[in-house]
Amino acid sequence: LATAKRARKGCDWIVANDVSHATGIMGGAENAVTLITKEGADSWPRMGKDQVARQLAERIVQALA
């Protein structure tokens, strides 16, 4: 779904996460995301939401360097 959404919207990247009840993520302090790019998907382990933001910021810096 996220891969198709990225292509449909013409985005370079999209960050996908599973917020289904089974994951226990919704409303919590942690998240597990997958960064979808035209090159593929990079699944990140469950971590604090602040860590997700930091890791995403690092990827943006790398992409713009």
Foldseek 3Di string as FASTA:
>chain_A
DLQVVCVVVVHQKDKDFDPDVVVVPVPDQWTWIWIQGPVGIDTDDIDGPVVVVVVVVVVVVVVVD
